[in-house]
Amino acid sequence: MTEQRVPKKRGRPRGVSDSRERIIAAAVDEFGEHGYDGSTIRSIATRADVDSALVHHYFGTKADLFAEAVGIPLRPDIDVPAIVAGPRDAVGERLVRYVLEAFEQPDIRRRGVMLIRTAIGSRLTTPLLAEFLARELIGKIAKSIGVADADLRATLVASQIAGLLLTRYVLKLAPIATASVDDIVSHVGPTVQRYLFE
């Protein structure tokens, strides 16, 4: 008696529906153990027991996956290079306005404040966020402005923006916490502009 072959069923394999969640969980573990720079799409895929193409399918780039895993409410790695590439005479004001107008949206502000608080108080999150910002934000700003001390200038911009967010949305220090976006842009924008180009 010959063994009868059972035809394979077509369609999605069982368990595929949880692949996205497994990838996020694997990313959290991988970033936690190896940092942002030390983690790769391949290593995350291996940990999640999926093909790396599936990680790219769901999340695109490593920066996309990190933003999803950590809950970053803004995508400065995508938006900021376009802002910096615009007319140079008002880049500082545009950067400050971009961040403030985003944080004025309740959902972004809630998630952003949570991330800032976590980054400040967590030995795990702080280096992860620092590596992400160094590579995906500061590095791209530095490359865009193309001057000798570009890394220092870009880091000064990041420090200014981080301090502004901390003061306005976490510590809620008056009067900066209640000032209008336009007022803050008019005061902080020129400083950011100077860091970048003067």
N, C-alpha and C. Protein backbone atom coordinates (compact mmCIF):
# COMPACT_ATOMS: atom_id res chain seq x y z
N MET A 1 0.85 -1.18 0.00
CA MET A 1 0.00 0.00 0.00
C MET A 1 0.89 1.24 0.00
N THR A 2 0.67 2.07 -0.97
CA THR A 2 1.49 3.26 -1.08
C THR A 2 0.94 4.35 -0.19
N GLU A 3 1.86 5.15 0.34
CA GLU A 3 1.44 6.24 1.24
C GLU A 3 0.82 7.36 0.42
N GLN A 4 -0.35 7.79 0.86
CA GLN A 4 -1.05 8.85 0.13
C GLN A 4 -0.53 10.20 0.57
N ARG A 5 -0.19 11.04 -0.39
CA ARG A 5 0.31 12.38 -0.07
C ARG A 5 -0.87 13.31 0.15
N VAL A 6 -0.78 14.05 1.23
CA VAL A 6 -1.82 15.03 1.52
C VAL A 6 -1.47 16.32 0.82
N PRO A 7 -2.38 16.82 -0.02
CA PRO A 7 -2.06 18.08 -0.72
C PRO A 7 -1.92 19.24 0.25
N LYS A 8 -0.94 20.10 -0.06
CA LYS A 8 -0.73 21.28 0.80
C LYS A 8 -1.85 22.27 0.58
N LYS A 9 -2.27 22.89 1.68
CA LYS A 9 -3.31 23.91 1.58
C LYS A 9 -2.69 25.22 1.12
N ARG A 10 -3.44 25.91 0.32
CA ARG A 10 -2.96 27.21 -0.14
C ARG A 10 -3.34 28.27 0.87
N GLY A 11 -2.71 29.43 0.72
CA GLY A 11 -3.02 30.53 1.62
C GLY A 11 -1.90 30.77 2.61
N ARG A 12 -2.17 31.62 3.59
CA ARG A 12 -1.15 31.98 4.56
C ARG A 12 -0.89 30.83 5.51
N PRO A 13 0.37 30.57 5.81
CA PRO A 13 0.68 29.52 6.78
C PRO A 13 0.15 29.88 8.16
N ARG A 14 -0.10 28.85 8.95
CA ARG A 14 -0.58 29.10 10.30
C ARG A 14 0.46 29.87 11.09
N GLY A 15 0.00 30.78 11.91
CA GLY A 15 0.91 31.54 12.76
C GLY A 15 1.42 32.82 12.15
N VAL A 16 1.11 33.06 10.87
CA VAL A 16 1.62 34.28 10.23
C VAL A 16 0.98 35.51 10.86
N SER A 17 -0.24 35.37 11.34
CA SER A 17 -0.95 36.54 11.88
C SER A 17 -0.23 37.15 13.08
N ASP A 18 0.57 36.35 13.80
CA ASP A 18 1.27 36.91 14.96
C ASP A 18 2.71 37.31 14.64
N SER A 19 3.08 37.23 13.36
CA SER A 19 4.47 37.54 12.99
C SER A 19 4.85 38.97 13.34
N ARG A 20 3.95 39.91 13.09
CA ARG A 20 4.25 41.32 13.36
C ARG A 20 4.55 41.53 14.84
N GLU A 21 3.72 40.94 15.69
CA GLU A 21 3.93 41.08 17.14
C GLU A 21 5.23 40.40 17.58
N ARG A 22 5.54 39.24 16.98
CA ARG A 22 6.79 38.56 17.33
C ARG A 22 8.00 39.38 16.89
N ILE A 23 7.88 40.04 15.76
CA ILE A 23 8.98 40.88 15.28
C ILE A 23 9.20 42.05 16.23
N ILE A 24 8.12 42.69 16.66
CA ILE A 24 8.26 43.82 17.60
C ILE A 24 8.88 43.34 18.90
N ALA A 25 8.39 42.21 19.43
CA ALA A 25 8.96 41.67 20.67
C ALA A 25 10.43 41.34 20.50
N ALA A 26 10.79 40.75 19.37
CA ALA A 26 12.19 40.41 19.11
C ALA A 26 13.02 41.68 18.99
N ALA A 27 12.46 42.72 18.37
CA ALA A 27 13.18 43.99 18.21
C ALA A 27 13.46 44.62 19.57
N VAL A 28 12.47 44.61 20.44
CA VAL A 28 12.65 45.17 21.79
C VAL A 28 13.79 44.44 22.50
N ASP A 29 13.79 43.10 22.42
CA ASP A 29 14.85 42.32 23.07
C ASP A 29 16.22 42.57 22.43
N GLU A 30 16.23 42.61 21.10
CA GLU A 30 17.50 42.79 20.39
C GLU A 30 18.09 44.17 20.63
N PHE A 31 17.25 45.21 20.53
CA PHE A 31 17.72 46.56 20.81
C PHE A 31 18.19 46.67 22.26
N GLY A 32 17.46 46.01 23.16
CA GLY A 32 17.84 46.05 24.58
C GLY A 32 19.18 45.40 24.85
N GLU A 33 19.47 44.31 24.15
CA GLU A 33 20.73 43.59 24.39
C GLU A 33 21.91 44.17 23.62
N HIS A 34 21.67 44.64 22.41
CA HIS A 34 22.78 45.03 21.54
C HIS A 34 22.79 46.50 21.14
N GLY A 35 21.80 47.27 21.59
CA GLY A 35 21.74 48.67 21.22
C GLY A 35 21.22 48.85 19.81
N TYR A 36 21.04 50.11 19.44
CA TYR A 36 20.51 50.41 18.10
C TYR A 36 21.52 50.03 17.03
N ASP A 37 22.77 50.47 17.22
CA ASP A 37 23.79 50.21 16.20
C ASP A 37 24.14 48.73 16.09
N GLY A 38 24.09 48.01 17.22
CA GLY A 38 24.48 46.60 17.22
C GLY A 38 23.40 45.64 16.75
N SER A 39 22.19 46.13 16.56
CA SER A 39 21.09 45.28 16.10
C SER A 39 20.93 45.42 14.59
N THR A 40 20.55 44.33 13.96
CA THR A 40 20.32 44.36 12.52
C THR A 40 18.95 43.75 12.22
N ILE A 41 18.45 44.06 11.04
CA ILE A 41 17.19 43.44 10.61
C ILE A 41 17.34 41.92 10.62
N ARG A 42 18.47 41.43 10.17
CA ARG A 42 18.70 39.98 10.13
C ARG A 42 18.67 39.36 11.53
N SER A 43 19.35 40.01 12.49
CA SER A 43 19.37 39.43 13.85
C SER A 43 17.99 39.48 14.49
N ILE A 44 17.24 40.52 14.21
CA ILE A 44 15.87 40.62 14.74
C ILE A 44 14.99 39.56 14.10
N ALA A 45 15.14 39.35 12.79
CA ALA A 45 14.36 38.33 12.10
C ALA A 45 14.68 36.94 12.65
N THR A 46 15.96 36.68 12.89
CA THR A 46 16.37 35.38 13.44
C THR A 46 15.74 35.16 14.80
N ARG A 47 15.76 36.18 15.63
CA ARG A 47 15.17 36.08 16.97
C ARG A 47 13.66 35.85 16.90
N ALA A 48 13.02 36.47 15.92
CA ALA A 48 11.57 36.33 15.76
C ALA A 48 11.19 35.08 14.99
N ASP A 49 12.20 34.36 14.46
CA ASP A 49 11.99 33.16 13.67
C ASP A 49 11.16 33.44 12.42
N VAL A 50 11.55 34.53 11.74
CA VAL A 50 10.91 34.87 10.46
C VAL A 50 12.01 35.23 9.47
N ASP A 51 11.64 35.33 8.21
CA ASP A 51 12.58 35.76 7.19
C ASP A 51 12.77 37.27 7.29
N SER A 52 13.99 37.74 7.03
CA SER A 52 14.24 39.18 7.14
C SER A 52 13.39 39.98 6.16
N ALA A 53 12.99 39.36 5.05
CA ALA A 53 12.12 40.05 4.09
C ALA A 53 10.77 40.40 4.72
N LEU A 54 10.32 39.56 5.65
CA LEU A 54 9.04 39.83 6.32
C LEU A 54 9.17 41.05 7.24
N VAL A 55 10.34 41.20 7.87
CA VAL A 55 10.58 42.38 8.70
C VAL A 55 10.52 43.63 7.84
N HIS A 56 11.19 43.59 6.69
CA HIS A 56 11.14 44.73 5.77
C HIS A 56 9.72 44.98 5.27
N HIS A 57 8.98 43.91 5.04
CA HIS A 57 7.60 44.04 4.56
C HIS A 57 6.74 44.81 5.57
N TYR A 58 6.87 44.45 6.83
CA TYR A 58 6.04 45.08 7.86
C TYR A 58 6.54 46.46 8.26
N PHE A 59 7.87 46.64 8.31
CA PHE A 59 8.41 47.84 8.94
C PHE A 59 9.33 48.68 8.07
N GLY A 60 9.75 48.18 6.92
CA GLY A 60 10.64 48.98 6.08
C GLY A 60 12.07 48.92 6.57
N THR A 61 12.53 49.98 7.21
CA THR A 61 13.92 50.08 7.64
C THR A 61 14.08 49.78 9.13
N LYS A 62 15.32 49.70 9.56
CA LYS A 62 15.59 49.50 10.98
C LYS A 62 15.06 50.69 11.79
N ALA A 63 15.19 51.89 11.25
CA ALA A 63 14.67 53.08 11.94
C ALA A 63 13.16 53.00 12.11
N ASP A 64 12.46 52.51 11.08
CA ASP A 64 11.01 52.34 11.17
C ASP A 64 10.66 51.35 12.28
N LEU A 65 11.37 50.24 12.32
CA LEU A 65 11.11 49.21 13.32
C LEU A 65 11.42 49.73 14.72
N PHE A 66 12.52 50.45 14.86
CA PHE A 66 12.87 51.01 16.17
C PHE A 66 11.79 51.98 16.65
N ALA A 67 11.33 52.85 15.75
CA ALA A 67 10.29 53.81 16.11
C ALA A 67 9.03 53.10 16.57
N GLU A 68 8.69 52.02 15.91
CA GLU A 68 7.51 51.25 16.29
C GLU A 68 7.72 50.55 17.63
N ALA A 69 8.88 49.93 17.80
CA ALA A 69 9.15 49.16 19.02
C ALA A 69 9.22 50.06 20.25
N VAL A 70 9.84 51.22 20.11
CA VAL A 70 10.02 52.11 21.25
C VAL A 70 8.84 53.06 21.43
N GLY A 71 8.10 53.28 20.36
CA GLY A 71 6.94 54.17 20.45
C GLY A 71 7.29 55.62 20.18
N ILE A 72 8.25 55.88 19.30
CA ILE A 72 8.63 57.25 18.98
C ILE A 72 7.49 57.92 18.22
N PRO A 73 6.96 59.02 18.74
CA PRO A 73 5.79 59.64 18.11
C PRO A 73 6.10 60.48 16.88
N LEU A 74 7.36 60.86 16.70
CA LEU A 74 7.77 61.64 15.53
C LEU A 74 8.79 60.85 14.74
N ARG A 75 8.95 61.18 13.48
CA ARG A 75 9.96 60.53 12.66
C ARG A 75 10.95 61.59 12.17
N PRO A 76 11.81 62.09 13.06
CA PRO A 76 12.77 63.12 12.65
C PRO A 76 13.73 62.63 11.57
N ASP A 77 13.99 61.33 11.55
CA ASP A 77 14.89 60.78 10.54
C ASP A 77 14.34 60.97 9.13
N ILE A 78 13.01 61.09 9.01
CA ILE A 78 12.38 61.30 7.71
C ILE A 78 12.13 62.78 7.47
N ASP A 79 11.56 63.46 8.46
CA ASP A 79 11.10 64.84 8.27
C ASP A 79 12.20 65.89 8.32
N VAL A 80 13.14 65.73 9.24
CA VAL A 80 14.13 66.79 9.47
C VAL A 80 15.08 67.01 8.29
N PRO A 81 15.58 65.97 7.63
CA PRO A 81 16.44 66.24 6.48
C PRO A 81 15.76 67.09 5.41
N ALA A 82 14.46 66.90 5.22
CA ALA A 82 13.73 67.73 4.24
C ALA A 82 13.64 69.18 4.71
N ILE A 83 13.49 69.37 6.01
CA ILE A 83 13.44 70.73 6.56
C ILE A 83 14.79 71.42 6.38
N VAL A 84 15.85 70.70 6.70
CA VAL A 84 17.20 71.27 6.59
C VAL A 84 17.57 71.54 5.14
N ALA A 85 17.03 70.74 4.22
CA ALA A 85 17.35 70.92 2.81
C ALA A 85 16.66 72.13 2.19
N GLY A 86 15.69 72.72 2.90
CA GLY A 86 14.98 73.89 2.37
C GLY A 86 15.83 75.14 2.44
N PRO A 87 15.23 76.30 2.15
CA PRO A 87 15.97 77.58 2.20
C PRO A 87 16.68 77.76 3.53
N ARG A 88 17.97 78.10 3.46
CA ARG A 88 18.80 78.11 4.67
C ARG A 88 18.49 79.25 5.64
N ASP A 89 17.89 80.33 5.17
CA ASP A 89 17.74 81.49 6.05
C ASP A 89 16.74 81.28 7.18
N ALA A 90 15.94 80.21 7.14
CA ALA A 90 14.95 80.01 8.20
C ALA A 90 14.88 78.55 8.65
N VAL A 91 15.96 77.81 8.50
CA VAL A 91 15.97 76.40 8.90
C VAL A 91 15.72 76.27 10.41
N GLY A 92 16.36 77.12 11.20
CA GLY A 92 16.19 77.05 12.66
C GLY A 92 14.74 77.22 13.08
N GLU A 93 14.08 78.20 12.52
CA GLU A 93 12.67 78.43 12.85
C GLU A 93 11.80 77.27 12.39
N ARG A 94 12.09 76.73 11.21
CA ARG A 94 11.28 75.61 10.71
C ARG A 94 11.45 74.37 11.57
N LEU A 95 12.68 74.11 12.04
CA LEU A 95 12.91 72.95 12.91
C LEU A 95 12.14 73.08 14.22
N VAL A 96 12.23 74.24 14.84
CA VAL A 96 11.56 74.46 16.12
C VAL A 96 10.04 74.37 15.93
N ARG A 97 9.53 74.97 14.89
CA ARG A 97 8.09 74.93 14.62
C ARG A 97 7.61 73.51 14.37
N TYR A 98 8.39 72.75 13.61
CA TYR A 98 8.02 71.36 13.31
C TYR A 98 7.83 70.56 14.61
N VAL A 99 8.79 70.67 15.52
CA VAL A 99 8.72 69.90 16.76
C VAL A 99 7.57 70.38 17.64
N LEU A 100 7.44 71.70 17.80
CA LEU A 100 6.41 72.23 18.68
C LEU A 100 5.00 71.95 18.15
N GLU A 101 4.80 72.13 16.86
CA GLU A 101 3.47 71.88 16.31
C GLU A 101 3.10 70.41 16.42
N ALA A 102 4.08 69.53 16.31
CA ALA A 102 3.80 68.11 16.51
C ALA A 102 3.42 67.84 17.96
N PHE A 103 4.18 68.40 18.91
CA PHE A 103 3.92 68.15 20.32
C PHE A 103 2.65 68.83 20.83
N GLU A 104 2.13 69.77 20.07
CA GLU A 104 0.85 70.37 20.45
C GLU A 104 -0.32 69.42 20.18
N GLN A 105 -0.10 68.37 19.41
CA GLN A 105 -1.13 67.36 19.18
C GLN A 105 -1.14 66.41 20.39
N PRO A 106 -2.31 66.26 21.03
CA PRO A 106 -2.38 65.51 22.29
C PRO A 106 -1.77 64.11 22.25
N ASP A 107 -2.03 63.34 21.19
CA ASP A 107 -1.52 61.98 21.15
C ASP A 107 0.00 61.97 21.05
N ILE A 108 0.54 62.83 20.20
CA ILE A 108 2.00 62.90 20.07
C ILE A 108 2.62 63.40 21.37
N ARG A 109 2.00 64.41 21.98
CA ARG A 109 2.53 64.94 23.24
C ARG A 109 2.54 63.86 24.32
N ARG A 110 1.46 63.10 24.43
CA ARG A 110 1.37 62.05 25.46
C ARG A 110 2.47 61.00 25.27
N ARG A 111 2.62 60.53 24.04
CA ARG A 111 3.64 59.52 23.78
C ARG A 111 5.04 60.10 23.88
N GLY A 112 5.21 61.34 23.43
CA GLY A 112 6.52 61.98 23.50
C GLY A 112 6.98 62.20 24.93
N VAL A 113 6.08 62.67 25.77
CA VAL A 113 6.42 62.89 27.19
C VAL A 113 6.77 61.57 27.86
N MET A 114 6.00 60.53 27.55
CA MET A 114 6.30 59.21 28.11
C MET A 114 7.69 58.74 27.70
N LEU A 115 8.03 58.95 26.42
CA LEU A 115 9.34 58.53 25.93
C LEU A 115 10.46 59.34 26.59
N ILE A 116 10.26 60.64 26.74
CA ILE A 116 11.28 61.49 27.38
C ILE A 116 11.49 61.05 28.82
N ARG A 117 10.38 60.85 29.55
CA ARG A 117 10.50 60.42 30.95
C ARG A 117 11.22 59.07 31.05
N THR A 118 10.86 58.15 30.16
CA THR A 118 11.48 56.83 30.17
C THR A 118 12.97 56.92 29.84
N ALA A 119 13.29 57.73 28.83
CA ALA A 119 14.69 57.85 28.41
C ALA A 119 15.55 58.44 29.52
N ILE A 120 14.99 59.39 30.26
CA ILE A 120 15.76 60.03 31.34
C ILE A 120 16.00 59.06 32.48
N GLY A 121 15.01 58.22 32.78
CA GLY A 121 15.11 57.38 33.96
C GLY A 121 15.50 55.94 33.72
N SER A 122 15.79 55.56 32.48
CA SER A 122 16.05 54.15 32.20
C SER A 122 17.44 53.95 31.62
N ARG A 123 18.20 53.06 32.25
CA ARG A 123 19.53 52.75 31.73
C ARG A 123 19.44 51.98 30.42
N LEU A 124 18.29 51.38 30.13
CA LEU A 124 18.11 50.66 28.89
C LEU A 124 17.72 51.61 27.75
N THR A 125 16.74 52.46 28.02
CA THR A 125 16.19 53.32 26.96
C THR A 125 17.12 54.46 26.59
N THR A 126 17.82 55.03 27.56
CA THR A 126 18.67 56.18 27.29
C THR A 126 19.69 55.93 26.18
N PRO A 127 20.51 54.86 26.26
CA PRO A 127 21.48 54.65 25.17
C PRO A 127 20.81 54.30 23.85
N LEU A 128 19.68 53.60 23.89
CA LEU A 128 18.97 53.27 22.66
C LEU A 128 18.53 54.53 21.94
N LEU A 129 17.88 55.43 22.69
CA LEU A 129 17.40 56.66 22.09
C LEU A 129 18.56 57.52 21.62
N ALA A 130 19.63 57.55 22.40
CA ALA A 130 20.81 58.34 22.02
C ALA A 130 21.42 57.82 20.72
N GLU A 131 21.52 56.49 20.58
CA GLU A 131 22.08 55.91 19.35
C GLU A 131 21.18 56.21 18.16
N PHE A 132 19.87 56.08 18.35
CA PHE A 132 18.92 56.36 17.28
C PHE A 132 19.05 57.80 16.82
N LEU A 133 19.04 58.73 17.79
CA LEU A 133 19.15 60.15 17.44
C LEU A 133 20.49 60.48 16.80
N ALA A 134 21.56 59.86 17.32
CA ALA A 134 22.89 60.13 16.76
C ALA A 134 22.97 59.71 15.30
N ARG A 135 22.42 58.54 14.99
CA ARG A 135 22.53 58.05 13.62
C ARG A 135 21.47 58.64 12.70
N GLU A 136 20.21 58.67 13.17
CA GLU A 136 19.10 58.99 12.29
C GLU A 136 18.73 60.47 12.26
N LEU A 137 19.16 61.23 13.25
CA LEU A 137 18.83 62.66 13.27
C LEU A 137 20.09 63.50 13.18
N ILE A 138 20.95 63.41 14.19
CA ILE A 138 22.13 64.26 14.24
C ILE A 138 23.03 64.00 13.04
N GLY A 139 23.24 62.73 12.71
CA GLY A 139 24.08 62.40 11.57
C GLY A 139 23.55 62.96 10.27
N LYS A 140 22.22 62.92 10.11
CA LYS A 140 21.63 63.40 8.87
C LYS A 140 21.64 64.93 8.80
N ILE A 141 21.45 65.59 9.94
CA ILE A 141 21.56 67.04 9.95
C ILE A 141 23.00 67.44 9.61
N ALA A 142 23.95 66.77 10.25
CA ALA A 142 25.37 67.09 10.01
C ALA A 142 25.72 66.92 8.54
N LYS A 143 25.25 65.85 7.94
CA LYS A 143 25.53 65.61 6.53
C LYS A 143 24.89 66.69 5.65
N SER A 144 23.70 67.14 6.05
CA SER A 144 22.98 68.14 5.25
C SER A 144 23.66 69.50 5.25
N ILE A 145 24.23 69.89 6.41
CA ILE A 145 24.81 71.24 6.48
C ILE A 145 26.24 71.28 5.94
N GLY A 146 26.92 70.14 5.97
CA GLY A 146 28.20 70.00 5.28
C GLY A 146 29.28 71.00 5.66
N VAL A 147 29.51 71.23 6.96
CA VAL A 147 30.60 72.09 7.39
C VAL A 147 31.55 71.27 8.26
N ALA A 148 32.71 71.84 8.57
CA ALA A 148 33.76 71.08 9.25
C ALA A 148 33.32 70.56 10.62
N ASP A 149 32.63 71.39 11.40
CA ASP A 149 32.21 70.97 12.74
C ASP A 149 30.72 70.63 12.77
N ALA A 150 30.25 69.98 11.70
CA ALA A 150 28.83 69.70 11.53
C ALA A 150 28.27 68.82 12.65
N ASP A 151 29.04 67.83 13.11
CA ASP A 151 28.54 66.95 14.17
C ASP A 151 28.27 67.72 15.45
N LEU A 152 29.20 68.63 15.82
CA LEU A 152 29.01 69.44 17.02
C LEU A 152 27.78 70.33 16.86
N ARG A 153 27.65 70.97 15.70
CA ARG A 153 26.53 71.87 15.47
C ARG A 153 25.20 71.11 15.55
N ALA A 154 25.14 69.94 14.93
CA ALA A 154 23.92 69.15 14.93
C ALA A 154 23.57 68.68 16.34
N THR A 155 24.60 68.34 17.14
CA THR A 155 24.36 67.92 18.52
C THR A 155 23.87 69.09 19.37
N LEU A 156 24.38 70.28 19.12
CA LEU A 156 23.89 71.47 19.82
C LEU A 156 22.41 71.71 19.50
N VAL A 157 22.03 71.51 18.25
CA VAL A 157 20.62 71.64 17.86
C VAL A 157 19.79 70.63 18.64
N ALA A 158 20.23 69.38 18.68
CA ALA A 158 19.50 68.34 19.40
C ALA A 158 19.36 68.69 20.89
N SER A 159 20.43 69.24 21.47
CA SER A 159 20.37 69.60 22.90
C SER A 159 19.37 70.73 23.13
N GLN A 160 19.33 71.67 22.21
CA GLN A 160 18.39 72.79 22.33
C GLN A 160 16.94 72.31 22.25
N ILE A 161 16.67 71.44 21.27
CA ILE A 161 15.31 70.93 21.08
C ILE A 161 14.91 70.04 22.26
N ALA A 162 15.82 69.17 22.70
CA ALA A 162 15.52 68.29 23.83
C ALA A 162 15.24 69.11 25.09
N GLY A 163 16.04 70.13 25.32
CA GLY A 163 15.82 71.00 26.48
C GLY A 163 14.49 71.73 26.40
N LEU A 164 14.13 72.17 25.21
CA LEU A 164 12.86 72.85 25.01
C LEU A 164 11.69 71.91 25.32
N LEU A 165 11.74 70.69 24.80
CA LEU A 165 10.67 69.73 25.05
C LEU A 165 10.56 69.39 26.53
N LEU A 166 11.69 69.20 27.17
CA LEU A 166 11.71 68.88 28.60
C LEU A 166 11.11 70.01 29.42
N THR A 167 11.52 71.22 29.11
CA THR A 167 11.06 72.39 29.87
C THR A 167 9.58 72.67 29.66
N ARG A 168 9.12 72.58 28.42
CA ARG A 168 7.74 72.95 28.10
C ARG A 168 6.73 71.84 28.42
N TYR A 169 7.07 70.59 28.11
CA TYR A 169 6.07 69.53 28.18
C TYR A 169 6.23 68.57 29.34
N VAL A 170 7.42 68.47 29.92
CA VAL A 170 7.62 67.56 31.05
C VAL A 170 7.64 68.34 32.35
N LEU A 171 8.55 69.30 32.47
CA LEU A 171 8.61 70.12 33.69
C LEU A 171 7.51 71.17 33.73
N LYS A 172 7.03 71.59 32.57
CA LYS A 172 5.96 72.58 32.44
C LYS A 172 6.28 73.87 33.19
N LEU A 173 7.49 74.37 32.94
CA LEU A 173 7.92 75.59 33.60
C LEU A 173 7.27 76.80 32.94
N ALA A 174 6.64 77.64 33.75
CA ALA A 174 6.04 78.88 33.24
C ALA A 174 7.16 79.92 33.12
N PRO A 175 7.06 80.84 32.15
CA PRO A 175 5.99 80.98 31.17
C PRO A 175 6.21 80.19 29.87
N ILE A 176 7.30 79.43 29.79
CA ILE A 176 7.55 78.73 28.52
C ILE A 176 6.47 77.69 28.24
N ALA A 177 5.88 77.12 29.29
CA ALA A 177 4.86 76.10 29.11
C ALA A 177 3.57 76.66 28.53
N THR A 178 3.33 77.95 28.75
CA THR A 178 2.09 78.56 28.27
C THR A 178 2.29 79.51 27.09
N ALA A 179 3.54 79.74 26.73
CA ALA A 179 3.81 80.65 25.60
C ALA A 179 3.29 80.04 24.31
N SER A 180 2.97 80.89 23.35
CA SER A 180 2.49 80.40 22.07
C SER A 180 3.64 79.79 21.28
N VAL A 181 3.29 78.92 20.35
CA VAL A 181 4.30 78.33 19.48
C VAL A 181 5.06 79.43 18.75
N ASP A 182 4.35 80.43 18.26
CA ASP A 182 5.00 81.52 17.52
C ASP A 182 6.03 82.25 18.38
N ASP A 183 5.68 82.50 19.65
CA ASP A 183 6.62 83.18 20.54
C ASP A 183 7.89 82.36 20.75
N ILE A 184 7.72 81.08 20.98
CA ILE A 184 8.88 80.23 21.21
C ILE A 184 9.74 80.12 19.95
N VAL A 185 9.08 79.97 18.82
CA VAL A 185 9.81 79.89 17.55
C VAL A 185 10.64 81.15 17.33
N SER A 186 10.05 82.31 17.66
CA SER A 186 10.76 83.57 17.43
C SER A 186 11.97 83.72 18.34
N HIS A 187 11.93 83.10 19.52
CA HIS A 187 13.06 83.18 20.45
C HIS A 187 14.10 82.08 20.23
N VAL A 188 13.64 80.86 20.02
CA VAL A 188 14.56 79.71 19.95
C VAL A 188 15.06 79.48 18.52
N GLY A 189 14.23 79.78 17.53
CA GLY A 189 14.61 79.57 16.14
C GLY A 189 15.95 80.19 15.76
N PRO A 190 16.19 81.48 16.11
CA PRO A 190 17.47 82.10 15.76
C PRO A 190 18.68 81.41 16.42
N THR A 191 18.48 80.87 17.63
CA THR A 191 19.57 80.15 18.30
C THR A 191 19.91 78.89 17.53
N VAL A 192 18.89 78.15 17.14
CA VAL A 192 19.10 76.93 16.35
C VAL A 192 19.75 77.27 15.01
N GLN A 193 19.30 78.37 14.42
CA GLN A 193 19.89 78.83 13.16
C GLN A 193 21.37 79.13 13.31
N ARG A 194 21.71 79.78 14.42
CA ARG A 194 23.12 80.11 14.68
C ARG A 194 23.94 78.85 14.86
N TYR A 195 23.41 77.88 15.61
CA TYR A 195 24.12 76.61 15.79
C TYR A 195 24.42 75.95 14.45
N LEU A 196 23.49 76.04 13.53
CA LEU A 196 23.62 75.35 12.26
C LEU A 196 24.60 76.04 11.29
N PHE A 197 24.51 77.36 11.21
CA PHE A 197 25.15 78.02 10.06
C PHE A 197 26.11 79.15 10.39
N GLU A 198 26.13 79.65 11.61
CA GLU A 198 26.98 80.81 11.88
C GLU A 198 28.26 80.44 12.59
